[in-house]
PDB file of N, CA and C in Angstrom:
ATOM      1  N   MET A   1       0.843  -1.335   0.115  1.00  0.00           N
ATOM      2  CA  MET A   1       0.068   0.035  -0.086  1.00  0.00           C
ATOM      3  C   MET A   1       0.826   1.123   0.111  1.00  0.00           C
ATOM      4  N   LYS A   2       0.436   2.302  -0.842  1.00  0.00           N
ATOM      5  CA  LYS A   2       1.268   3.598  -0.848  1.00  0.00           C
ATOM      6  C   LYS A   2       0.414   4.523  -0.193  1.00  0.00           C
ATOM      7  N   LEU A   3       1.264   5.543   0.814  1.00  0.00           N
ATOM      8  CA  LEU A   3       0.477   6.478   1.151  1.00  0.00           C
ATOM      9  C   LEU A   3       0.785   7.887   0.585  1.00  0.00           C
ATOM     10  N   SER A   4       0.225   8.728   0.721  1.00  0.00           N
ATOM     11  CA  SER A   4       0.381   9.937  -0.216  1.00  0.00           C
ATOM     12  C   SER A   4       1.135  10.673   1.091  1.00  0.00           C
ATOM     13  N   ARG A   5       1.938  11.794   0.716  1.00  0.00           N
ATOM     14  CA  ARG A   5       2.714  12.599   1.592  1.00  0.00           C
ATOM     15  C   ARG A   5       1.763  13.279   2.651  1.00  0.00           C
ATOM     16  N   PRO A   6       0.661  13.975   2.298  1.00  0.00           N
ATOM     17  CA  PRO A   6      -0.354  14.655   3.336  1.00  0.00           C
ATOM     18  C   PRO A   6      -0.876  13.469   4.237  1.00  0.00           C
ATOM     19  N   ILE A   7      -1.140  12.233   3.675  1.00  0.00           N
ATOM     20  CA  ILE A   7      -1.712  11.158   4.565  1.00  0.00           C
ATOM     21  C   ILE A   7      -0.667  10.706   5.585  1.00  0.00           C
ATOM     22  N   SER A   8       0.784  10.370   4.950  1.00  0.00           N
ATOM     23  CA  SER A   8       1.612  10.185   5.923  1.00  0.00           C
ATOM     24  C   SER A   8       2.109  11.155   7.021  1.00  0.00           C
ATOM     25  N   TRP A   9       2.130  12.367   6.985  1.00  0.00           N
ATOM     26  CA  TRP A   9       2.539  13.203   7.727  1.00  0.00           C
ATOM     27  C   TRP A   9       1.245  13.273   8.567  1.00  0.00           C
ATOM     28  N   PHE A  10       0.019  13.266   8.402  1.00  0.00           N
ATOM     29  CA  PHE A  10      -1.193  13.192   9.347  1.00  0.00           C
ATOM     30  C   PHE A  10      -0.951  12.255  10.189  1.00  0.00           C
ATOM     31  N   LEU A  11      -0.765  11.133   9.767  1.00  0.00           N
ATOM     32  CA  LEU A  11      -0.456   9.827  10.655  1.00  0.00           C
ATOM     33  C   LEU A  11       0.501  10.078  11.517  1.00  0.00           C
ATOM     34  N   LEU A  12       1.626  10.408  11.019  1.00  0.00           N
ATOM     35  CA  LEU A  12       2.654  11.035  12.167  1.00  0.00           C
ATOM     36  C   LEU A  12       2.369  11.929  13.141  1.00  0.00           C
ATOM     37  N   ALA A  13       1.714  12.924  12.597  1.00  0.00           N
ATOM     38  CA  ALA A  13       1.461  13.977  13.597  1.00  0.00           C
ATOM     39  C   ALA A  13       0.458  13.354  14.637  1.00  0.00           C
ATOM     40  N   PHE A  14      -0.717  12.646  14.099  1.00  0.00           N
ATOM     41  CA  PHE A  14      -1.536  11.966  15.180  1.00  0.00           C
ATOM     42  C   PHE A  14      -0.907  10.972  16.148  1.00  0.00           C
ATOM     43  N   GLY A  15      -0.007  10.192  15.757  1.00  0.00           N
ATOM     44  CA  GLY A  15       0.867   9.520  16.729  1.00  0.00           C
ATOM     45  C   GLY A  15       1.494  10.478  17.741  1.00  0.00           C
ATOM     46  N   VAL A  16       2.188  11.387  17.513  1.00  0.00           N
ATOM     47  CA  VAL A  16       2.720  12.561  18.260  1.00  0.00           C
ATOM     48  C   VAL A  16       1.727  13.147  18.965  1.00  0.00           C
ATOM     49  N   TRP A  17       0.554  13.570  18.507  1.00  0.00           N
ATOM     50  CA  TRP A  17      -0.498  14.127  19.160  1.00  0.00           C
ATOM     51  C   TRP A  17      -0.991  13.253  20.405  1.00  0.00           C
ATOM     52  N   SER A  18      -1.293  11.931  20.121  1.00  0.00           N
ATOM     53  CA  SER A  18      -1.871  11.154  20.954  1.00  0.00           C
ATOM     54  C   SER A  18      -1.112  10.755  22.130  1.00  0.00           C
ATOM     55  N   TRP A  19       0.414  10.960  21.803  1.00  0.00           N
ATOM     56  CA  TRP A  19       1.537  10.778  23.290  1.00  0.00           C
ATOM     57  C   TRP A  19       1.163  12.122  23.713  1.00  0.00           C
ATOM     58  N   VAL A  20       1.151  13.295  23.322  1.00  0.00           N
ATOM     59  CA  VAL A  20       1.380  14.602  24.254  1.00  0.00           C
ATOM     60  C   VAL A  20      -0.232  14.552  24.989  1.00  0.00           C
ATOM     61  N   ILE A  21      -1.208  14.108  24.224  1.00  0.00           N
ATOM     62  CA  ILE A  21      -2.553  14.500  24.896  1.00  0.00           C
ATOM     63  C   ILE A  21      -2.608  13.304  26.452  1.00  0.00           C
ATOM     64  N   TRP A  22      -2.516  11.899  25.700  1.00  0.00           N
ATOM     65  CA  TRP A  22      -2.617  10.850  26.796  1.00  0.00           C
ATOM     66  C   TRP A  22      -1.552  11.018  27.929  1.00  0.00           C
ATOM     67  N   VAL A  23      -0.366  11.208  27.707  1.00  0.00           N
ATOM     68  CA  VAL A  23       0.772  11.545  28.647  1.00  0.00           C
ATOM     69  C   VAL A  23       0.360  12.591  29.839  1.00  0.00           C
ATOM     70  N   THR A  24      -0.212  13.616  29.109  1.00  0.00           N
ATOM     71  CA  THR A  24      -0.546  14.783  30.063  1.00  0.00           C
ATOM     72  C   THR A  24      -2.026  14.149  30.770  1.00  0.00           C
ATOM     73  N   PHE A  25      -2.654  13.624  30.144  1.00  0.00           N
ATOM     74  CA  PHE A  25      -4.143  12.906  30.981  1.00  0.00           C
ATOM     75  C   PHE A  25      -3.618  12.017  32.005  1.00  0.00           C
ATOM     76  N   VAL A  26      -2.540  11.049  31.789  1.00  0.00           N
ATOM     77  CA  VAL A  26      -2.088  10.186  32.994  1.00  0.00           C
ATOM     78  C   VAL A  26      -1.616  10.978  33.926  1.00  0.00           C
ATOM     79  N   ASN A  27      -0.614  11.913  33.690  1.00  0.00           N
ATOM     80  CA  ASN A  27      -0.200  12.849  34.572  1.00  0.00           C
ATOM     81  C   ASN A  27      -0.935  13.377  35.623  1.00  0.00           C
ATOM     82  N   ASN A  28      -2.093  13.791  34.909  1.00  0.00           N
ATOM     83  CA  ASN A  28      -3.437  14.547  35.778  1.00  0.00           C
ATOM     84  C   ASN A  28      -4.099  13.708  36.540  1.00  0.00           C
ATOM     85  N   LEU A  29      -4.108  12.582  35.844  1.00  0.00           N
ATOM     86  CA  LEU A  29      -5.110  11.475  36.611  1.00  0.00           C
ATOM     87  C   LEU A  29      -4.211  11.120  37.874  1.00  0.00           C
ATOM     88  N   ILE A  30      -3.076  11.020  37.819  1.00  0.00           N
ATOM     89  CA  ILE A  30      -2.314  10.505  38.942  1.00  0.00           C
ATOM     90  C   ILE A  30      -2.204  11.470  39.945  1.00  0.00           C
ATOM     91  N   LYS A  31      -2.031  12.756  39.466  1.00  0.00           N
ATOM     92  CA  LYS A  31      -2.166  13.799  40.653  1.00  0.00           C
ATOM     93  C   LYS A  31      -3.748  14.298  41.005  1.00  0.00           C
ATOM     94  N   ASP A  32      -4.431  13.614  40.814  1.00  0.00           N
ATOM     95  CA  ASP A  32      -5.727  13.890  41.010  1.00  0.00           C
ATOM     96  C   ASP A  32      -6.239  14.228  42.320  1.00  0.00           C
ATOM     97  N   SER A  33      -6.955  15.293  42.820  1.00  0.00           N
ATOM     98  CA  SER A  33      -7.369  15.499  44.320  1.00  0.00           C
ATOM     99  C   SER A  33      -8.491  15.625  44.388  1.00  0.00           C
ATOM    100  N   SER A  34      -9.496  15.239  43.304  1.00  0.00           N
ATOM    101  CA  SER A  34     -10.977  15.541  43.607  1.00  0.00           C
ATOM    102  C   SER A  34     -11.701  14.392  44.318  1.00  0.00           C
ATOM    103  N   GLY A  35     -10.973  13.161  44.349  1.00  0.00           N
ATOM    104  CA  GLY A  35     -11.435  11.959  44.781  1.00  0.00           C
ATOM    105  C   GLY A  35     -12.112  11.035  44.058  1.00  0.00           C
ATOM    106  N   LEU A  36     -12.074  11.365  42.682  1.00  0.00           N
ATOM    107  CA  LEU A  36     -12.684  10.673  41.600  1.00  0.00           C
ATOM    108  C   LEU A  36     -11.392   9.339  41.467  1.00  0.00           C
ATOM    109  N   ALA A  37     -10.236   9.521  41.232  1.00  0.00           N
ATOM    110  CA  ALA A  37      -9.161   8.502  40.775  1.00  0.00           C
ATOM    111  C   ALA A  37      -8.807   7.757  41.936  1.00  0.00           C
ATOM    112  N   PHE A  38      -8.676   8.353  43.271  1.00  0.00           N
ATOM    113  CA  PHE A  38      -8.297   7.594  44.508  1.00  0.00           C
ATOM    114  C   PHE A  38      -9.137   8.104  45.573  1.00  0.00           C
ATOM    115  N   GLU A  39      -9.289   6.999  46.505  1.00  0.00           N
ATOM    116  CA  GLU A  39     -10.383   7.015  47.476  1.00  0.00           C
ATOM    117  C   GLU A  39      -9.546   6.436  48.521  1.00  0.00           C
ATOM    118  N   ASP A  40      -9.311   7.269  49.745  1.00  0.00           N
ATOM    119  CA  ASP A  40      -8.329   7.054  50.756  1.00  0.00           C
ATOM    120  C   ASP A  40      -6.688   6.400  50.255  1.00  0.00           C
ATOM    121  N   GLY A  41      -6.394   7.079  49.449  1.00  0.00           N
ATOM    122  CA  GLY A  41      -4.925   6.561  48.755  1.00  0.00           C
ATOM    123  C   GLY A  41      -5.228   5.410  47.886  1.00  0.00           C
ATOM    124  N   ARG A  42      -6.221   4.645  47.567  1.00  0.00           N
ATOM    125  CA  ARG A  42      -6.283   3.517  46.830  1.00  0.00           C
ATOM    126  C   ARG A  42      -6.787   3.914  45.440  1.00  0.00           C
ATOM    127  N   PRO A  43      -6.498   3.474  44.102  1.00  0.00           N
ATOM    128  CA  PRO A  43      -7.077   3.745  42.970  1.00  0.00           C
ATOM    129  C   PRO A  43      -8.589   3.053  42.586  1.00  0.00           C
ATOM    130  N   THR A  44      -9.370   3.828  42.146  1.00  0.00           N
ATOM    131  CA  THR A  44     -10.823   3.619  42.086  1.00  0.00           C
ATOM    132  C   THR A  44     -11.133   2.959  40.791  1.00  0.00           C
ATOM    133  N   ALA A  45     -12.084   2.240  40.621  1.00  0.00           N
ATOM    134  CA  ALA A  45     -12.741   1.924  39.293  1.00  0.00           C
ATOM    135  C   ALA A  45     -12.418   3.059  38.233  1.00  0.00           C
ATOM    136  N   TYR A  46     -12.768   4.358  38.420  1.00  0.00           N
ATOM    137  CA  TYR A  46     -12.490   5.364  37.585  1.00  0.00           C
ATOM    138  C   TYR A  46     -11.106   5.454  37.105  1.00  0.00           C
ATOM    139  N   PHE A  47     -10.117   5.245  37.918  1.00  0.00           N
ATOM    140  CA  PHE A  47      -8.834   5.517  37.925  1.00  0.00           C
ATOM    141  C   PHE A  47      -8.608   4.200  36.838  1.00  0.00           C
ATOM    142  N   TRP A  48      -8.657   3.072  36.969  1.00  0.00           N
ATOM    143  CA  TRP A  48      -8.232   1.803  36.331  1.00  0.00           C
ATOM    144  C   TRP A  48      -9.206   1.941  34.787  1.00  0.00           C
ATOM    145  N   VAL A  49     -10.365   2.183  34.937  1.00  0.00           N
ATOM    146  CA  VAL A  49     -10.780   2.175  33.465  1.00  0.00           C
ATOM    147  C   VAL A  49     -10.173   3.535  32.652  1.00  0.00           C
ATOM    148  N   HIS A  50      -9.926   4.821  33.205  1.00  0.00           N
ATOM    149  CA  HIS A  50      -9.085   5.663  32.416  1.00  0.00           C
ATOM    150  C   HIS A  50      -7.572   5.248  32.066  1.00  0.00           C
ATOM    151  N   LEU A  51      -6.939   4.687  33.104  1.00  0.00           N
ATOM    152  CA  LEU A  51      -5.693   4.359  32.868  1.00  0.00           C
ATOM    153  C   LEU A  51      -5.809   3.179  31.613  1.00  0.00           C
ATOM    154  N   THR A  52      -6.873   2.450  31.554  1.00  0.00           N
ATOM    155  CA  THR A  52      -6.857   1.607  30.448  1.00  0.00           C
ATOM    156  C   THR A  52      -7.043   2.069  29.125  1.00  0.00           C
ATOM    157  N   LEU A  53      -7.789   3.214  29.287  1.00  0.00           N
ATOM    158  CA  LEU A  53      -8.080   3.797  27.964  1.00  0.00           C
ATOM    159  C   LEU A  53      -6.876   4.543  27.477  1.00  0.00           C
ATOM    160  N   ALA A  54      -6.173   5.064  28.525  1.00  0.00           N
ATOM    161  CA  ALA A  54      -5.143   5.842  27.929  1.00  0.00           C
ATOM    162  C   ALA A  54      -3.858   4.823  27.515  1.00  0.00           C
ATOM    163  N   VAL A  55      -3.816   3.455  28.055  1.00  0.00           N
ATOM    164  CA  VAL A  55      -2.739   2.735  27.571  1.00  0.00           C
ATOM    165  C   VAL A  55      -2.801   2.337  26.180  1.00  0.00           C
ATOM    166  N   VAL A  56      -4.576   1.920  26.112  1.00  0.00           N
ATOM    167  CA  VAL A  56      -5.065   1.504  24.663  1.00  0.00           C
ATOM    168  C   VAL A  56      -4.567   2.651  23.710  1.00  0.00           C
ATOM    169  N   SER A  57      -4.799   3.979  23.933  1.00  0.00           N
ATOM    170  CA  SER A  57      -4.534   5.104  22.947  1.00  0.00           C
ATOM    171  C   SER A  57      -3.230   5.164  22.654  1.00  0.00           C
ATOM    172  N   LEU A  58      -2.465   4.931  23.675  1.00  0.00           N
ATOM    173  CA  LEU A  58      -0.942   5.209  23.450  1.00  0.00           C
ATOM    174  C   LEU A  58      -0.420   3.979  22.426  1.00  0.00           C
ATOM    175  N   VAL A  59      -1.032   3.053  22.581  1.00  0.00           N
ATOM    176  CA  VAL A  59      -0.600   1.949  21.650  1.00  0.00           C
ATOM    177  C   VAL A  59      -1.244   1.965  20.318  1.00  0.00           C
ATOM    178  N   LEU A  60      -2.198   2.357  20.191  1.00  0.00           N
ATOM    179  CA  LEU A  60      -2.873   2.724  18.890  1.00  0.00           C
ATOM    180  C   LEU A  60      -2.066   4.039  18.309  1.00  0.00           C
ATOM    181  N   GLY A  61      -1.914   4.923  19.082  1.00  0.00           N
ATOM    182  CA  GLY A  61      -1.104   6.095  18.544  1.00  0.00           C
ATOM    183  C   GLY A  61       0.296   5.785  18.194  1.00  0.00           C
ATOM    184  N   THR A  62       0.706   4.868  18.813  1.00  0.00           N
ATOM    185  CA  THR A  62       2.191   4.447  18.504  1.00  0.00           C
ATOM    186  C   THR A  62       2.130   3.861  17.226  1.00  0.00           C
ATOM    187  N   VAL A  63       1.203   2.864  17.062  1.00  0.00           N
ATOM    188  CA  VAL A  63       1.126   2.065  15.661  1.00  0.00           C
ATOM    189  C   VAL A  63       0.825   3.199  14.485  1.00  0.00           C
ATOM    190  N   ILE A  64      -0.090   3.819  14.804  1.00  0.00           N
ATOM    191  CA  ILE A  64      -0.514   4.820  13.684  1.00  0.00           C
ATOM    192  C   ILE A  64       0.471   5.760  13.048  1.00  0.00           C
ATOM    193  N   GLY A  65       1.468   6.445  14.211  1.00  0.00           N
ATOM    194  CA  GLY A  65       2.439   6.842  14.147  1.00  0.00           C
ATOM    195  C   GLY A  65       3.534   6.382  13.521  1.00  0.00           C
ATOM    196  N   VAL A  66       3.654   5.024  13.632  1.00  0.00           N
ATOM    197  CA  VAL A  66       4.928   4.359  12.794  1.00  0.00           C
ATOM    198  C   VAL A  66       4.637   4.402  11.566  1.00  0.00           C
ATOM    199  N   ILE A  67       3.121   4.044  11.326  1.00  0.00           N
ATOM    200  CA  ILE A  67       2.859   3.811   9.825  1.00  0.00           C
ATOM    201  C   ILE A  67       3.091   5.254   9.284  1.00  0.00           C
ATOM    202  N   GLY A  68       2.745   6.262   9.778  1.00  0.00           N
ATOM    203  CA  GLY A  68       3.010   7.529   9.213  1.00  0.00           C
ATOM    204  C   GLY A  68       4.491   7.747   8.880  1.00  0.00           C
ATOM    205  N   LEU A  69       5.422   7.446  10.026  1.00  0.00           N
ATOM    206  CA  LEU A  69       6.775   7.491   9.706  1.00  0.00           C
ATOM    207  C   LEU A  69       7.364   6.681   8.801  1.00  0.00           C
ATOM    208  N   ARG A  70       6.812   5.522   8.383  1.00  0.00           N
ATOM    209  CA  ARG A  70       7.581   4.519   7.369  1.00  0.00           C
ATOM    210  C   ARG A  70       6.838   5.351   6.061  1.00  0.00           C
ATOM    211  N   GLY A  71       5.760   5.783   6.009  1.00  0.00           N
ATOM    212  CA  GLY A  71       5.156   6.415   4.820  1.00  0.00           C
ATOM    213  C   GLY A  71       6.042   7.501   4.548  1.00  0.00           C
ATOM    214  N   VAL A  72       6.438   8.517   5.710  1.00  0.00           N
ATOM    215  CA  VAL A  72       7.194   9.656   5.329  1.00  0.00           C
ATOM    216  C   VAL A  72       8.616   9.069   4.780  1.00  0.00           C
ATOM    217  N   ARG A  73       9.348   8.399   5.507  1.00  0.00           N
ATOM    218  CA  ARG A  73      10.685   7.900   5.073  1.00  0.00           C
ATOM    219  C   ARG A  73      10.525   7.197   3.648  1.00  0.00           C
ATOM    220  N   ALA A  74       9.416   6.318   3.336  1.00  0.00           N
ATOM    221  CA  ALA A  74       9.445   5.734   1.890  1.00  0.00           C
ATOM    222  C   ALA A  74       9.297   6.904   0.948  1.00  0.00           C
ATOM    223  N   LEU A  75       8.538   7.667   1.102  1.00  0.00           N
ATOM    224  CA  LEU A  75       8.300   8.983   0.139  1.00  0.00           C
ATOM    225  C   LEU A  75       9.753   9.889   0.033  1.00  0.00           C
ATOM    226  N   ARG A  76      10.593   9.956   1.199  1.00  0.00           N
ATOM    227  CA  ARG A  76      11.821  10.827   1.187  1.00  0.00           C
ATOM    228  C   ARG A  76      12.629   9.870   0.439  1.00  0.00           C
ATOM    229  N   HIS A  77      12.729   8.682   0.288  1.00  0.00           N
ATOM    230  CA  HIS A  77      13.764   7.920  -0.349  1.00  0.00           C
ATOM    231  C   HIS A  77      13.356   7.837  -1.809  1.00  0.00           C
ATOM    232  N   LYS A  78      12.095   7.969  -2.044  1.00  0.00           N
ATOM    233  CA  LYS A  78      11.507   7.784  -3.728  1.00  0.00           C
ATOM    234  C   LYS A  78      11.849   8.878  -4.214  1.00  0.00           C
ATOM    235  N   SER A  79      11.884  10.113  -3.386  1.00  0.00           N
ATOM    236  CA  SER A  79      12.268  11.366  -4.376  1.00  0.00           C
ATOM    237  C   SER A  79      13.597  11.496  -5.134  1.00  0.00           C
TER     238      SER A  79
END
């Protein structure tokens, strides 16, 4: 499969964006003081659900970013 230059850059940018957003979210989740993520110092179901969402999103963002990076590299070597 061949990816166009704009699509390759979009996928790469999406991968980077996913890492920025989800790492920030996890940091905020860990520092939560509202009582949603931790109750008496123990993680709540809210914490585990959102941590799972973050991990899955990071994995998918990484895969998508790698596909975009490969597309950008292939186009660079082709030119």
